[in-house]
């Protein structure tokens, strides 16, 4: 079994200057996986990606600990230097954001296409 430092929990591609992030795991509920995922996202940003779109398609479980990490990422990627957008929220992710009353804090779009268009 691979060590968590070797495993990547998301993949990304450049879409016209926007890093489109898609999870490769269905679960973000263990602290070590959440930490590894957001450390990887931080490294992506440190490498020069200041516009990030996170697509939540296929994510079945999302712990509240990950919300804190997502808020921190959103705070770091504020205009004019950067921007974070979220799309394709699964019911689980949407429920967590609703329970914590955080929808207004994030740029949320129904699908990847609309989210990408928002960066123009």
PDB file of N, CA and C in Angstrom:
ATOM      1  N   UNK A   1       0.843  -1.189   0.000  1.00  0.00           N
ATOM      2  CA  UNK A   1       0.000   0.000   0.000  1.00  0.00           C
ATOM      3  C   UNK A   1       0.879   1.240   0.000  1.00  0.00           C
ATOM      4  N   UNK A   2       0.620   2.223  -0.879  1.00  0.00           N
ATOM      5  CA  UNK A   2       1.481   3.395  -0.962  1.00  0.00           C
ATOM      6  C   UNK A   2       1.358   4.291   0.267  1.00  0.00           C
ATOM      7  N   UNK A   3       2.428   4.911   0.604  1.00  0.00           N
ATOM      8  CA  UNK A   3       2.466   5.874   1.698  1.00  0.00           C
ATOM      9  C   UNK A   3       1.640   7.090   1.299  1.00  0.00           C
ATOM     10  N   UNK A   4       0.976   7.749   2.263  1.00  0.00           N
ATOM     11  CA  UNK A   4       0.111   8.890   1.955  1.00  0.00           C
ATOM     12  C   UNK A   4       0.878  10.040   1.312  1.00  0.00           C
ATOM     13  N   UNK A   5       2.183  10.124   1.569  1.00  0.00           N
ATOM     14  CA  UNK A   5       2.973  11.186   0.952  1.00  0.00           C
ATOM     15  C   UNK A   5       3.180  10.916  -0.536  1.00  0.00           C
ATOM     16  N   UNK A   6       3.021   9.673  -0.962  1.00  0.00           N
ATOM     17  CA  UNK A   6       3.201   9.310  -2.352  1.00  0.00           C
ATOM     18  C   UNK A   6       1.891   9.338  -3.132  1.00  0.00           C
ATOM     19  N   UNK A   7       0.792   9.273  -2.460  1.00  0.00           N
ATOM     20  CA  UNK A   7      -0.513   9.211  -3.109  1.00  0.00           C
ATOM     21  C   UNK A   7      -1.000  10.615  -3.410  1.00  0.00           C
ATOM     22  N   UNK A   8      -1.590  10.769  -4.569  1.00  0.00           N
ATOM     23  CA  UNK A   8      -2.196  12.043  -4.944  1.00  0.00           C
ATOM     24  C   UNK A   8      -3.705  11.876  -4.874  1.00  0.00           C
ATOM     25  N   UNK A   9      -4.358  12.790  -4.166  1.00  0.00           N
ATOM     26  CA  UNK A   9      -5.791  12.686  -3.949  1.00  0.00           C
ATOM     27  C   UNK A   9      -6.595  13.530  -4.928  1.00  0.00           C
ATOM     28  N   UNK A  10      -5.902  14.188  -5.826  1.00  0.00           N
ATOM     29  CA  UNK A  10      -6.574  14.910  -6.898  1.00  0.00           C
ATOM     30  C   UNK A  10      -5.647  14.966  -8.099  1.00  0.00           C
ATOM     31  N   UNK A  11      -6.251  15.263  -9.242  1.00  0.00           N
ATOM     32  CA  UNK A  11      -5.488  15.541 -10.448  1.00  0.00           C
ATOM     33  C   UNK A  11      -5.902  16.932 -10.896  1.00  0.00           C
ATOM     34  N   UNK A  12      -5.050  17.562 -11.684  1.00  0.00           N
ATOM     35  CA  UNK A  12      -5.405  18.892 -12.156  1.00  0.00           C
ATOM     36  C   UNK A  12      -4.892  19.092 -13.568  1.00  0.00           C
ATOM     37  N   UNK A  13      -5.525  20.040 -14.232  1.00  0.00           N
ATOM     38  CA  UNK A  13      -5.080  20.423 -15.563  1.00  0.00           C
ATOM     39  C   UNK A  13      -5.237  21.923 -15.712  1.00  0.00           C
ATOM     40  N   UNK A  14      -4.412  22.502 -16.570  1.00  0.00           N
ATOM     41  CA  UNK A  14      -4.477  23.930 -16.847  1.00  0.00           C
ATOM     42  C   UNK A  14      -5.527  24.161 -17.923  1.00  0.00           C
ATOM     43  N   UNK A  15      -6.486  25.010 -17.618  1.00  0.00           N
ATOM     44  CA  UNK A  15      -7.536  25.368 -18.581  1.00  0.00           C
ATOM     45  C   UNK A  15      -7.471  26.877 -18.798  1.00  0.00           C
ATOM     46  N   UNK A  16      -6.547  27.311 -19.636  1.00  0.00           N
ATOM     47  CA  UNK A  16      -6.407  28.741 -19.931  1.00  0.00           C
ATOM     48  C   UNK A  16      -6.004  29.572 -18.735  1.00  0.00           C
ATOM     49  N   UNK A  17      -5.083  29.069 -17.933  1.00  0.00           N
ATOM     50  CA  UNK A  17      -4.616  29.811 -16.765  1.00  0.00           C
ATOM     51  C   UNK A  17      -5.364  29.498 -15.480  1.00  0.00           C
ATOM     52  N   UNK A  18      -6.339  28.621 -15.566  1.00  0.00           N
ATOM     53  CA  UNK A  18      -7.090  28.183 -14.386  1.00  0.00           C
ATOM     54  C   UNK A  18      -6.725  26.727 -14.108  1.00  0.00           C
ATOM     55  N   UNK A  19      -6.307  26.448 -12.887  1.00  0.00           N
ATOM     56  CA  UNK A  19      -6.016  25.068 -12.494  1.00  0.00           C
ATOM     57  C   UNK A  19      -7.334  24.399 -12.123  1.00  0.00           C
ATOM     58  N   UNK A  20      -7.753  23.434 -12.934  1.00  0.00           N
ATOM     59  CA  UNK A  20      -8.993  22.704 -12.679  1.00  0.00           C
ATOM     60  C   UNK A  20      -8.628  21.447 -11.900  1.00  0.00           C
ATOM     61  N   UNK A  21      -9.100  21.373 -10.669  1.00  0.00           N
ATOM     62  CA  UNK A  21      -8.780  20.286  -9.750  1.00  0.00           C
ATOM     63  C   UNK A  21      -9.961  19.328  -9.675  1.00  0.00           C
ATOM     64  N   UNK A  22      -9.660  18.035  -9.861  1.00  0.00           N
ATOM     65  CA  UNK A  22     -10.680  16.989  -9.738  1.00  0.00           C
ATOM     66  C   UNK A  22     -10.167  15.938  -8.766  1.00  0.00           C
ATOM     67  N   UNK A  23     -10.988  15.591  -7.800  1.00  0.00           N
ATOM     68  CA  UNK A  23     -10.577  14.615  -6.796  1.00  0.00           C
ATOM     69  C   UNK A  23     -10.464  13.217  -7.396  1.00  0.00           C
ATOM     70  N   UNK A  24      -9.456  12.480  -6.943  1.00  0.00           N
ATOM     71  CA  UNK A  24      -9.276  11.088  -7.359  1.00  0.00           C
ATOM     72  C   UNK A  24      -9.661  10.146  -6.228  1.00  0.00           C
ATOM     73  N   UNK A  25     -10.162  10.704  -5.161  1.00  0.00           N
ATOM     74  CA  UNK A  25     -10.663   9.930  -4.030  1.00  0.00           C
ATOM     75  C   UNK A  25     -12.135  10.259  -3.841  1.00  0.00           C
ATOM     76  N   UNK A  26     -12.887   9.322  -3.312  1.00  0.00           N
ATOM     77  CA  UNK A  26     -14.302   9.559  -3.049  1.00  0.00           C
ATOM     78  C   UNK A  26     -14.536  10.085  -1.643  1.00  0.00           C
ATOM     79  N   UNK A  27     -13.492  10.022  -0.816  1.00  0.00           N
ATOM     80  CA  UNK A  27     -13.657  10.356   0.596  1.00  0.00           C
ATOM     81  C   UNK A  27     -12.596  11.326   1.078  1.00  0.00           C
ATOM     82  N   UNK A  28     -13.039  12.428   1.656  1.00  0.00           N
ATOM     83  CA  UNK A  28     -12.156  13.371   2.335  1.00  0.00           C
ATOM     84  C   UNK A  28     -12.666  13.486   3.761  1.00  0.00           C
ATOM     85  N   UNK A  29     -12.375  12.441   4.552  1.00  0.00           N
ATOM     86  CA  UNK A  29     -12.851  12.475   5.929  1.00  0.00           C
ATOM     87  C   UNK A  29     -11.766  12.124   6.928  1.00  0.00           C
ATOM     88  N   UNK A  30     -10.692  11.485   6.498  1.00  0.00           N
ATOM     89  CA  UNK A  30      -9.594  11.188   7.408  1.00  0.00           C
ATOM     90  C   UNK A  30      -8.640  12.372   7.450  1.00  0.00           C
ATOM     91  N   UNK A  31      -8.202  12.726   8.642  1.00  0.00           N
ATOM     92  CA  UNK A  31      -7.345  13.896   8.803  1.00  0.00           C
ATOM     93  C   UNK A  31      -6.088  13.812   7.945  1.00  0.00           C
ATOM     94  N   UNK A  32      -5.444  12.649   7.894  1.00  0.00           N
ATOM     95  CA  UNK A  32      -4.200  12.542   7.124  1.00  0.00           C
ATOM     96  C   UNK A  32      -4.445  12.731   5.628  1.00  0.00           C
ATOM     97  N   UNK A  33      -5.588  12.272   5.131  1.00  0.00           N
ATOM     98  CA  UNK A  33      -5.910  12.445   3.713  1.00  0.00           C
ATOM     99  C   UNK A  33      -6.248  13.907   3.424  1.00  0.00           C
ATOM    100  N   UNK A  34      -6.986  14.520   4.314  1.00  0.00           N
ATOM    101  CA  UNK A  34      -7.329  15.942   4.150  1.00  0.00           C
ATOM    102  C   UNK A  34      -6.053  16.776   4.169  1.00  0.00           C
ATOM    103  N   UNK A  35      -5.184  16.507   5.131  1.00  0.00           N
ATOM    104  CA  UNK A  35      -3.925  17.251   5.230  1.00  0.00           C
ATOM    105  C   UNK A  35      -3.091  17.064   3.965  1.00  0.00           C
ATOM    106  N   UNK A  36      -2.962  15.826   3.503  1.00  0.00           N
ATOM    107  CA  UNK A  36      -2.175  15.550   2.295  1.00  0.00           C
ATOM    108  C   UNK A  36      -2.774  16.255   1.072  1.00  0.00           C
ATOM    109  N   UNK A  37      -4.087  16.228   0.959  1.00  0.00           N
ATOM    110  CA  UNK A  37      -4.771  16.862  -0.173  1.00  0.00           C
ATOM    111  C   UNK A  37      -4.530  18.360  -0.185  1.00  0.00           C
ATOM    112  N   UNK A  38      -4.727  19.001   0.948  1.00  0.00           N
ATOM    113  CA  UNK A  38      -4.578  20.452   0.981  1.00  0.00           C
ATOM    114  C   UNK A  38      -3.116  20.889   0.971  1.00  0.00           C
ATOM    115  N   UNK A  39      -2.209  20.052   1.443  1.00  0.00           N
ATOM    116  CA  UNK A  39      -0.775  20.337   1.280  1.00  0.00           C
ATOM    117  C   UNK A  39      -0.424  20.336  -0.206  1.00  0.00           C
ATOM    118  N   UNK A  40      -0.993  19.393  -0.925  1.00  0.00           N
ATOM    119  CA  UNK A  40      -0.770  19.305  -2.376  1.00  0.00           C
ATOM    120  C   UNK A  40      -1.354  20.531  -3.090  1.00  0.00           C
ATOM    121  N   UNK A  41      -2.542  20.952  -2.666  1.00  0.00           N
ATOM    122  CA  UNK A  41      -3.145  22.156  -3.247  1.00  0.00           C
ATOM    123  C   UNK A  41      -2.309  23.394  -2.946  1.00  0.00           C
ATOM    124  N   UNK A  42      -1.801  23.490  -1.727  1.00  0.00           N
ATOM    125  CA  UNK A  42      -0.933  24.613  -1.364  1.00  0.00           C
ATOM    126  C   UNK A  42       0.330  24.626  -2.216  1.00  0.00           C
ATOM    127  N   UNK A  43       0.891  23.447  -2.492  1.00  0.00           N
ATOM    128  CA  UNK A  43       2.083  23.357  -3.336  1.00  0.00           C
ATOM    129  C   UNK A  43       1.764  23.808  -4.765  1.00  0.00           C
ATOM    130  N   UNK A  44       0.583  23.476  -5.243  1.00  0.00           N
ATOM    131  CA  UNK A  44       0.145  23.900  -6.569  1.00  0.00           C
ATOM    132  C   UNK A  44       0.093  25.431  -6.639  1.00  0.00           C
ATOM    133  N   UNK A  45      -0.452  26.036  -5.611  1.00  0.00           N
ATOM    134  CA  UNK A  45      -0.553  27.500  -5.558  1.00  0.00           C
ATOM    135  C   UNK A  45       0.838  28.127  -5.435  1.00  0.00           C
ATOM    136  N   UNK A  46       1.666  27.549  -4.584  1.00  0.00           N
ATOM    137  CA  UNK A  46       3.031  28.056  -4.421  1.00  0.00           C
ATOM    138  C   UNK A  46       3.809  27.961  -5.730  1.00  0.00           C
ATOM    139  N   UNK A  47       3.429  27.014  -6.579  1.00  0.00           N
ATOM    140  CA  UNK A  47       4.067  26.847  -7.874  1.00  0.00           C
ATOM    141  C   UNK A  47       3.583  27.828  -8.928  1.00  0.00           C
ATOM    142  N   UNK A  48       2.678  28.717  -8.554  1.00  0.00           N
ATOM    143  CA  UNK A  48       2.254  29.764  -9.469  1.00  0.00           C
ATOM    144  C   UNK A  48       0.805  29.729  -9.919  1.00  0.00           C
ATOM    145  N   UNK A  49       0.033  28.757  -9.498  1.00  0.00           N
ATOM    146  CA  UNK A  49      -1.389  28.695  -9.868  1.00  0.00           C
ATOM    147  C   UNK A  49      -2.186  29.569  -8.900  1.00  0.00           C
ATOM    148  N   UNK A  50      -2.667  30.689  -9.389  1.00  0.00           N
ATOM    149  CA  UNK A  50      -3.411  31.593  -8.513  1.00  0.00           C
ATOM    150  C   UNK A  50      -4.916  31.583  -8.795  1.00  0.00           C
ATOM    151  N   UNK A  51      -5.314  30.909  -9.860  1.00  0.00           N
ATOM    152  CA  UNK A  51      -6.732  30.752 -10.179  1.00  0.00           C
ATOM    153  C   UNK A  51      -7.032  29.262 -10.130  1.00  0.00           C
ATOM    154  N   UNK A  52      -7.907  28.876  -9.203  1.00  0.00           N
ATOM    155  CA  UNK A  52      -8.162  27.457  -8.969  1.00  0.00           C
ATOM    156  C   UNK A  52      -9.664  27.190  -8.988  1.00  0.00           C
ATOM    157  N   UNK A  53     -10.033  26.150  -9.698  1.00  0.00           N
ATOM    158  CA  UNK A  53     -11.409  25.666  -9.741  1.00  0.00           C
ATOM    159  C   UNK A  53     -11.406  24.247  -9.182  1.00  0.00           C
ATOM    160  N   UNK A  54     -12.181  24.005  -8.144  1.00  0.00           N
ATOM    161  CA  UNK A  54     -12.277  22.664  -7.572  1.00  0.00           C
ATOM    162  C   UNK A  54     -13.622  22.069  -7.965  1.00  0.00           C
ATOM    163  N   UNK A  55     -13.552  20.949  -8.678  1.00  0.00           N
ATOM    164  CA  UNK A  55     -14.739  20.217  -9.122  1.00  0.00           C
ATOM    165  C   UNK A  55     -14.973  19.079  -8.130  1.00  0.00           C
ATOM    166  N   UNK A  56     -16.135  19.067  -7.489  1.00  0.00           N
ATOM    167  CA  UNK A  56     -16.435  18.096  -6.441  1.00  0.00           C
ATOM    168  C   UNK A  56     -17.157  16.845  -6.955  1.00  0.00           C
ATOM    169  N   UNK A  57     -17.258  16.681  -8.265  1.00  0.00           N
ATOM    170  CA  UNK A  57     -17.919  15.508  -8.833  1.00  0.00           C
ATOM    171  C   UNK A  57     -17.329  14.231  -8.238  1.00  0.00           C
ATOM    172  N   UNK A  58     -18.192  13.358  -7.761  1.00  0.00           N
ATOM    173  CA  UNK A  58     -17.747  12.056  -7.268  1.00  0.00           C
ATOM    174  C   UNK A  58     -17.294  12.012  -5.822  1.00  0.00           C
ATOM    175  N   UNK A  59     -17.237  13.146  -5.151  1.00  0.00           N
ATOM    176  CA  UNK A  59     -16.808  13.145  -3.746  1.00  0.00           C
ATOM    177  C   UNK A  59     -18.004  12.756  -2.878  1.00  0.00           C
ATOM    178  N   UNK A  60     -17.917  11.616  -2.230  1.00  0.00           N
ATOM    179  CA  UNK A  60     -19.039  11.076  -1.467  1.00  0.00           C
ATOM    180  C   UNK A  60     -19.035  11.461   0.006  1.00  0.00           C
ATOM    181  N   UNK A  61     -17.866  11.708   0.567  1.00  0.00           N
ATOM    182  CA  UNK A  61     -17.779  12.065   1.989  1.00  0.00           C
ATOM    183  C   UNK A  61     -16.798  13.214   2.150  1.00  0.00           C
ATOM    184  N   UNK A  62     -17.177  14.156   2.999  1.00  0.00           N
ATOM    185  CA  UNK A  62     -16.416  15.394   3.158  1.00  0.00           C
ATOM    186  C   UNK A  62     -16.516  15.829   4.616  1.00  0.00           C
ATOM    187  N   UNK A  63     -15.429  15.699   5.348  1.00  0.00           N
ATOM    188  CA  UNK A  63     -15.441  16.029   6.778  1.00  0.00           C
ATOM    189  C   UNK A  63     -15.404  17.535   7.001  1.00  0.00           C
ATOM    190  N   UNK A  64     -15.943  17.961   8.118  1.00  0.00           N
ATOM    191  CA  UNK A  64     -15.943  19.387   8.433  1.00  0.00           C
ATOM    192  C   UNK A  64     -14.525  19.933   8.591  1.00  0.00           C
ATOM    193  N   UNK A  65     -13.561  19.084   8.968  1.00  0.00           N
ATOM    194  CA  UNK A  65     -12.163  19.513   9.060  1.00  0.00           C
ATOM    195  C   UNK A  65     -11.679  20.042   7.705  1.00  0.00           C
ATOM    196  N   UNK A  66     -12.161  19.440   6.625  1.00  0.00           N
ATOM    197  CA  UNK A  66     -11.769  19.880   5.287  1.00  0.00           C
ATOM    198  C   UNK A  66     -12.327  21.274   4.983  1.00  0.00           C
ATOM    199  N   UNK A  67     -13.448  21.621   5.588  1.00  0.00           N
ATOM    200  CA  UNK A  67     -14.026  22.951   5.378  1.00  0.00           C
ATOM    201  C   UNK A  67     -13.061  24.032   5.862  1.00  0.00           C
ATOM    202  N   UNK A  68     -12.459  23.832   7.015  1.00  0.00           N
ATOM    203  CA  UNK A  68     -11.484  24.799   7.512  1.00  0.00           C
ATOM    204  C   UNK A  68     -10.339  24.992   6.539  1.00  0.00           C
ATOM    205  N   UNK A  69      -9.874  23.905   5.966  1.00  0.00           N
ATOM    206  CA  UNK A  69      -8.799  23.967   4.974  1.00  0.00           C
ATOM    207  C   UNK A  69      -9.276  24.679   3.709  1.00  0.00           C
ATOM    208  N   UNK A  70     -10.517  24.432   3.315  1.00  0.00           N
ATOM    209  CA  UNK A  70     -11.079  25.072   2.131  1.00  0.00           C
ATOM    210  C   UNK A  70     -11.247  26.578   2.358  1.00  0.00           C
ATOM    211  N   UNK A  71     -11.666  26.965   3.540  1.00  0.00           N
ATOM    212  CA  UNK A  71     -11.796  28.389   3.878  1.00  0.00           C
ATOM    213  C   UNK A  71     -10.425  29.064   3.802  1.00  0.00           C
ATOM    214  N   UNK A  72      -9.424  28.417   4.354  1.00  0.00           N
ATOM    215  CA  UNK A  72      -8.063  28.973   4.312  1.00  0.00           C
ATOM    216  C   UNK A  72      -7.587  29.150   2.869  1.00  0.00           C
ATOM    217  N   UNK A  73      -7.856  28.162   2.045  1.00  0.00           N
ATOM    218  CA  UNK A  73      -7.483  28.235   0.632  1.00  0.00           C
ATOM    219  C   UNK A  73      -8.221  29.383  -0.049  1.00  0.00           C
ATOM    220  N   UNK A  74      -9.502  29.525   0.237  1.00  0.00           N
ATOM    221  CA  UNK A  74     -10.302  30.605  -0.338  1.00  0.00           C
ATOM    222  C   UNK A  74      -9.769  31.971   0.102  1.00  0.00           C
ATOM    223  N   UNK A  75      -9.406  32.094   1.365  1.00  0.00           N
ATOM    224  CA  UNK A  75      -8.859  33.363   1.870  1.00  0.00           C
ATOM    225  C   UNK A  75      -7.541  33.704   1.179  1.00  0.00           C
ATOM    226  N   UNK A  76      -6.764  32.698   0.882  1.00  0.00           N
ATOM    227  CA  UNK A  76      -5.461  32.906   0.229  1.00  0.00           C
ATOM    228  C   UNK A  76      -5.619  33.306  -1.239  1.00  0.00           C
ATOM    229  N   UNK A  77      -6.665  32.838  -1.874  1.00  0.00           N
ATOM    230  CA  UNK A  77      -6.870  33.080  -3.307  1.00  0.00           C
ATOM    231  C   UNK A  77      -7.910  34.171  -3.556  1.00  0.00           C
ATOM    232  N   UNK A  78      -7.697  35.327  -2.989  1.00  0.00           N
ATOM    233  CA  UNK A  78      -8.613  36.440  -3.180  1.00  0.00           C
ATOM    234  C   UNK A  78      -8.114  37.367  -4.284  1.00  0.00           C
ATOM    235  N   UNK A  79      -9.061  37.947  -5.062  1.00  0.00           N
ATOM    236  CA  UNK A  79      -8.674  38.905  -6.104  1.00  0.00           C
ATOM    237  C   UNK A  79      -7.961  40.105  -5.488  1.00  0.00           C
ATOM    238  N   UNK A  80      -7.093  40.758  -6.185  1.00  0.00           N
ATOM    239  CA  UNK A  80      -6.756  40.544  -7.585  1.00  0.00           C
ATOM    240  C   UNK A  80      -5.670  39.483  -7.805  1.00  0.00           C
ATOM    241  N   UNK A  81      -5.020  39.018  -6.746  1.00  0.00           N
ATOM    242  CA  UNK A  81      -3.928  38.045  -6.911  1.00  0.00           C
ATOM    243  C   UNK A  81      -4.418  36.673  -7.340  1.00  0.00           C
ATOM    244  N   UNK A  82      -5.595  36.278  -6.890  1.00  0.00           N
ATOM    245  CA  UNK A  82      -6.065  34.940  -7.201  1.00  0.00           C
ATOM    246  C   UNK A  82      -7.567  34.819  -7.069  1.00  0.00           C
ATOM    247  N   UNK A  83      -8.049  33.605  -7.280  1.00  0.00           N
ATOM    248  CA  UNK A  83      -9.490  33.356  -7.161  1.00  0.00           C
ATOM    249  C   UNK A  83      -9.721  31.864  -7.045  1.00  0.00           C
ATOM    250  N   UNK A  84     -10.672  31.488  -6.198  1.00  0.00           N
ATOM    251  CA  UNK A  84     -11.078  30.097  -6.039  1.00  0.00           C
ATOM    252  C   UNK A  84     -12.548  29.986  -6.402  1.00  0.00           C
ATOM    253  N   UNK A  85     -12.876  28.967  -7.192  1.00  0.00           N
ATOM    254  CA  UNK A  85     -14.265  28.674  -7.518  1.00  0.00           C
ATOM    255  C   UNK A  85     -14.515  27.190  -7.244  1.00  0.00           C
ATOM    256  N   UNK A  86     -15.735  26.878  -6.870  1.00  0.00           N
ATOM    257  CA  UNK A  86     -16.146  25.500  -6.611  1.00  0.00           C
ATOM    258  C   UNK A  86     -17.276  25.160  -7.570  1.00  0.00           C
ATOM    259  N   UNK A  87     -17.308  23.895  -8.012  1.00  0.00           N
ATOM    260  CA  UNK A  87     -18.415  23.506  -8.883  1.00  0.00           C
ATOM    261  C   UNK A  87     -18.800  22.056  -8.646  1.00  0.00           C
ATOM    262  N   UNK A  88     -19.950  21.714  -9.179  1.00  0.00           N
ATOM    263  CA  UNK A  88     -20.471  20.348  -9.140  1.00  0.00           C
ATOM    264  C   UNK A  88     -20.482  19.778  -7.721  1.00  0.00           C
ATOM    265  N   UNK A  89     -21.029  20.572  -6.800  1.00  0.00           N
ATOM    266  CA  UNK A  89     -21.093  20.107  -5.419  1.00  0.00           C
ATOM    267  C   UNK A  89     -21.960  18.854  -5.330  1.00  0.00           C
ATOM    268  N   UNK A  90     -21.454  17.861  -4.665  1.00  0.00           N
ATOM    269  CA  UNK A  90     -22.259  16.669  -4.418  1.00  0.00           C
ATOM    270  C   UNK A  90     -23.207  16.996  -3.260  1.00  0.00           C
ATOM    271  N   UNK A  91     -24.267  16.224  -3.087  1.00  0.00           N
ATOM    272  CA  UNK A  91     -25.197  16.499  -1.981  1.00  0.00           C
ATOM    273  C   UNK A  91     -24.497  16.560  -0.624  1.00  0.00           C
ATOM    274  N   UNK A  92     -23.504  15.714  -0.403  1.00  0.00           N
ATOM    275  CA  UNK A  92     -22.789  15.707   0.874  1.00  0.00           C
ATOM    276  C   UNK A  92     -22.052  17.022   1.104  1.00  0.00           C
ATOM    277  N   UNK A  93     -21.329  17.477   0.094  1.00  0.00           N
ATOM    278  CA  UNK A  93     -20.574  18.733   0.213  1.00  0.00           C
ATOM    279  C   UNK A  93     -21.534  19.901   0.364  1.00  0.00           C
ATOM    280  N   UNK A  94     -22.585  19.928  -0.429  1.00  0.00           N
ATOM    281  CA  UNK A  94     -23.573  21.002  -0.332  1.00  0.00           C
ATOM    282  C   UNK A  94     -24.198  21.057   1.053  1.00  0.00           C
ATOM    283  N   UNK A  95     -24.492  19.888   1.610  1.00  0.00           N
ATOM    284  CA  UNK A  95     -25.090  19.831   2.945  1.00  0.00           C
ATOM    285  C   UNK A  95     -24.149  20.390   4.000  1.00  0.00           C
ATOM    286  N   UNK A  96     -22.884  20.033   3.930  1.00  0.00           N
ATOM    287  CA  UNK A  96     -21.903  20.546   4.900  1.00  0.00           C
ATOM    288  C   UNK A  96     -21.808  22.065   4.794  1.00  0.00           C
ATOM    289  N   UNK A  97     -21.736  22.603   3.570  1.00  0.00           N
ATOM    290  CA  UNK A  97     -21.671  24.054   3.391  1.00  0.00           C
ATOM    291  C   UNK A  97     -22.936  24.736   3.905  1.00  0.00           C
ATOM    292  N   UNK A  98     -24.098  24.102   3.674  1.00  0.00           N
ATOM    293  CA  UNK A  98     -25.359  24.677   4.144  1.00  0.00           C
ATOM    294  C   UNK A  98     -25.458  24.656   5.671  1.00  0.00           C
ATOM    295  N   UNK A  99     -25.088  23.543   6.278  1.00  0.00           N
ATOM    296  CA  UNK A  99     -25.133  23.432   7.739  1.00  0.00           C
ATOM    297  C   UNK A  99     -24.252  24.498   8.386  1.00  0.00           C
ATOM    298  N   UNK A 100     -23.101  24.745   7.765  1.00  0.00           N
ATOM    299  CA  UNK A 100     -22.160  25.714   8.318  1.00  0.00           C
ATOM    300  C   UNK A 100     -22.414  27.131   7.798  1.00  0.00           C
ATOM    301  N   UNK A 101     -23.486  27.292   6.998  1.00  0.00           N
ATOM    302  CA  UNK A 101     -23.880  28.590   6.467  1.00  0.00           C
ATOM    303  C   UNK A 101     -22.727  29.289   5.736  1.00  0.00           C
ATOM    304  N   UNK A 102     -22.088  28.564   4.818  1.00  0.00           N
ATOM    305  CA  UNK A 102     -20.893  29.072   4.148  1.00  0.00           C
ATOM    306  C   UNK A 102     -21.065  29.312   2.648  1.00  0.00           C
ATOM    307  N   UNK A 103     -22.218  29.105   2.096  1.00  0.00           N
ATOM    308  CA  UNK A 103     -22.374  29.263   0.641  1.00  0.00           C
ATOM    309  C   UNK A 103     -21.976  30.646   0.155  1.00  0.00           C
ATOM    310  N   UNK A 104     -22.277  31.681   0.914  1.00  0.00           N
ATOM    311  CA  UNK A 104     -21.957  33.047   0.493  1.00  0.00           C
ATOM    312  C   UNK A 104     -20.456  33.328   0.515  1.00  0.00           C
ATOM    313  N   UNK A 105     -19.708  32.518   1.227  1.00  0.00           N
ATOM    314  CA  UNK A 105     -18.265  32.737   1.352  1.00  0.00           C
ATOM    315  C   UNK A 105     -17.500  32.275   0.106  1.00  0.00           C
ATOM    316  N   UNK A 106     -18.107  31.381  -0.672  1.00  0.00           N
ATOM    317  CA  UNK A 106     -17.433  30.784  -1.818  1.00  0.00           C
ATOM    318  C   UNK A 106     -18.113  31.156  -3.126  1.00  0.00           C
ATOM    319  N   UNK A 107     -17.346  31.102  -4.212  1.00  0.00           N
ATOM    320  CA  UNK A 107     -17.879  31.244  -5.565  1.00  0.00           C
ATOM    321  C   UNK A 107     -18.265  29.839  -6.012  1.00  0.00           C
ATOM    322  N   UNK A 108     -19.577  29.560  -6.049  1.00  0.00           N
ATOM    323  CA  UNK A 108     -20.068  28.213  -6.335  1.00  0.00           C
ATOM    324  C   UNK A 108     -20.872  28.225  -7.637  1.00  0.00           C
ATOM    325  N   UNK A 109     -20.589  27.232  -8.492  1.00  0.00           N
ATOM    326  CA  UNK A 109     -21.245  27.116  -9.788  1.00  0.00           C
ATOM    327  C   UNK A 109     -21.786  25.699  -9.956  1.00  0.00           C
ATOM    328  N   UNK A 110     -22.871  25.561 -10.731  1.00  0.00           N
ATOM    329  CA  UNK A 110     -23.466  24.231 -10.887  1.00  0.00           C
ATOM    330  C   UNK A 110     -22.586  23.243 -11.656  1.00  0.00           C
ATOM    331  N   UNK A 111     -21.799  23.740 -12.616  1.00  0.00           N
ATOM    332  CA  UNK A 111     -20.985  22.848 -13.438  1.00  0.00           C
ATOM    333  C   UNK A 111     -19.650  23.513 -13.782  1.00  0.00           C
ATOM    334  N   UNK A 112     -18.728  22.696 -14.259  1.00  0.00           N
ATOM    335  CA  UNK A 112     -17.378  23.172 -14.569  1.00  0.00           C
ATOM    336  C   UNK A 112     -17.379  24.273 -15.637  1.00  0.00           C
ATOM    337  N   UNK A 113     -18.193  24.115 -16.632  1.00  0.00           N
ATOM    338  CA  UNK A 113     -18.225  25.104 -17.718  1.00  0.00           C
ATOM    339  C   UNK A 113     -18.563  26.505 -17.205  1.00  0.00           C
ATOM    340  N   UNK A 114     -19.622  26.610 -16.408  1.00  0.00           N
ATOM    341  CA  UNK A 114     -20.004  27.911 -15.851  1.00  0.00           C
ATOM    342  C   UNK A 114     -18.910  28.461 -14.938  1.00  0.00           C
ATOM    343  N   UNK A 115     -18.294  27.592 -14.184  1.00  0.00           N
ATOM    344  CA  UNK A 115     -17.234  28.028 -13.281  1.00  0.00           C
ATOM    345  C   UNK A 115     -16.045  28.577 -14.076  1.00  0.00           C
ATOM    346  N   UNK A 116     -15.649  27.863 -15.131  1.00  0.00           N
ATOM    347  CA  UNK A 116     -14.537  28.346 -15.964  1.00  0.00           C
ATOM    348  C   UNK A 116     -14.862  29.680 -16.616  1.00  0.00           C
ATOM    349  N   UNK A 117     -16.090  29.827 -17.080  1.00  0.00           N
ATOM    350  CA  UNK A 117     -16.503  31.097 -17.701  1.00  0.00           C
ATOM    351  C   UNK A 117     -16.448  32.252 -16.708  1.00  0.00           C
ATOM    352  N   UNK A 118     -16.590  31.983 -15.432  1.00  0.00           N
ATOM    353  CA  UNK A 118     -16.566  33.041 -14.421  1.00  0.00           C
ATOM    354  C   UNK A 118     -15.173  33.642 -14.239  1.00  0.00           C
ATOM    355  N   UNK A 119     -14.150  32.978 -14.716  1.00  0.00           N
ATOM    356  CA  UNK A 119     -12.784  33.489 -14.583  1.00  0.00           C
ATOM    357  C   UNK A 119     -12.440  34.500 -15.677  1.00  0.00           C
ATOM    358  N   UNK A 120     -13.286  34.627 -16.686  1.00  0.00           N
ATOM    359  CA  UNK A 120     -13.001  35.529 -17.809  1.00  0.00           C
ATOM    360  C   UNK A 120     -13.289  36.960 -17.427  1.00  0.00           C
TER     361      UNK A 120
END
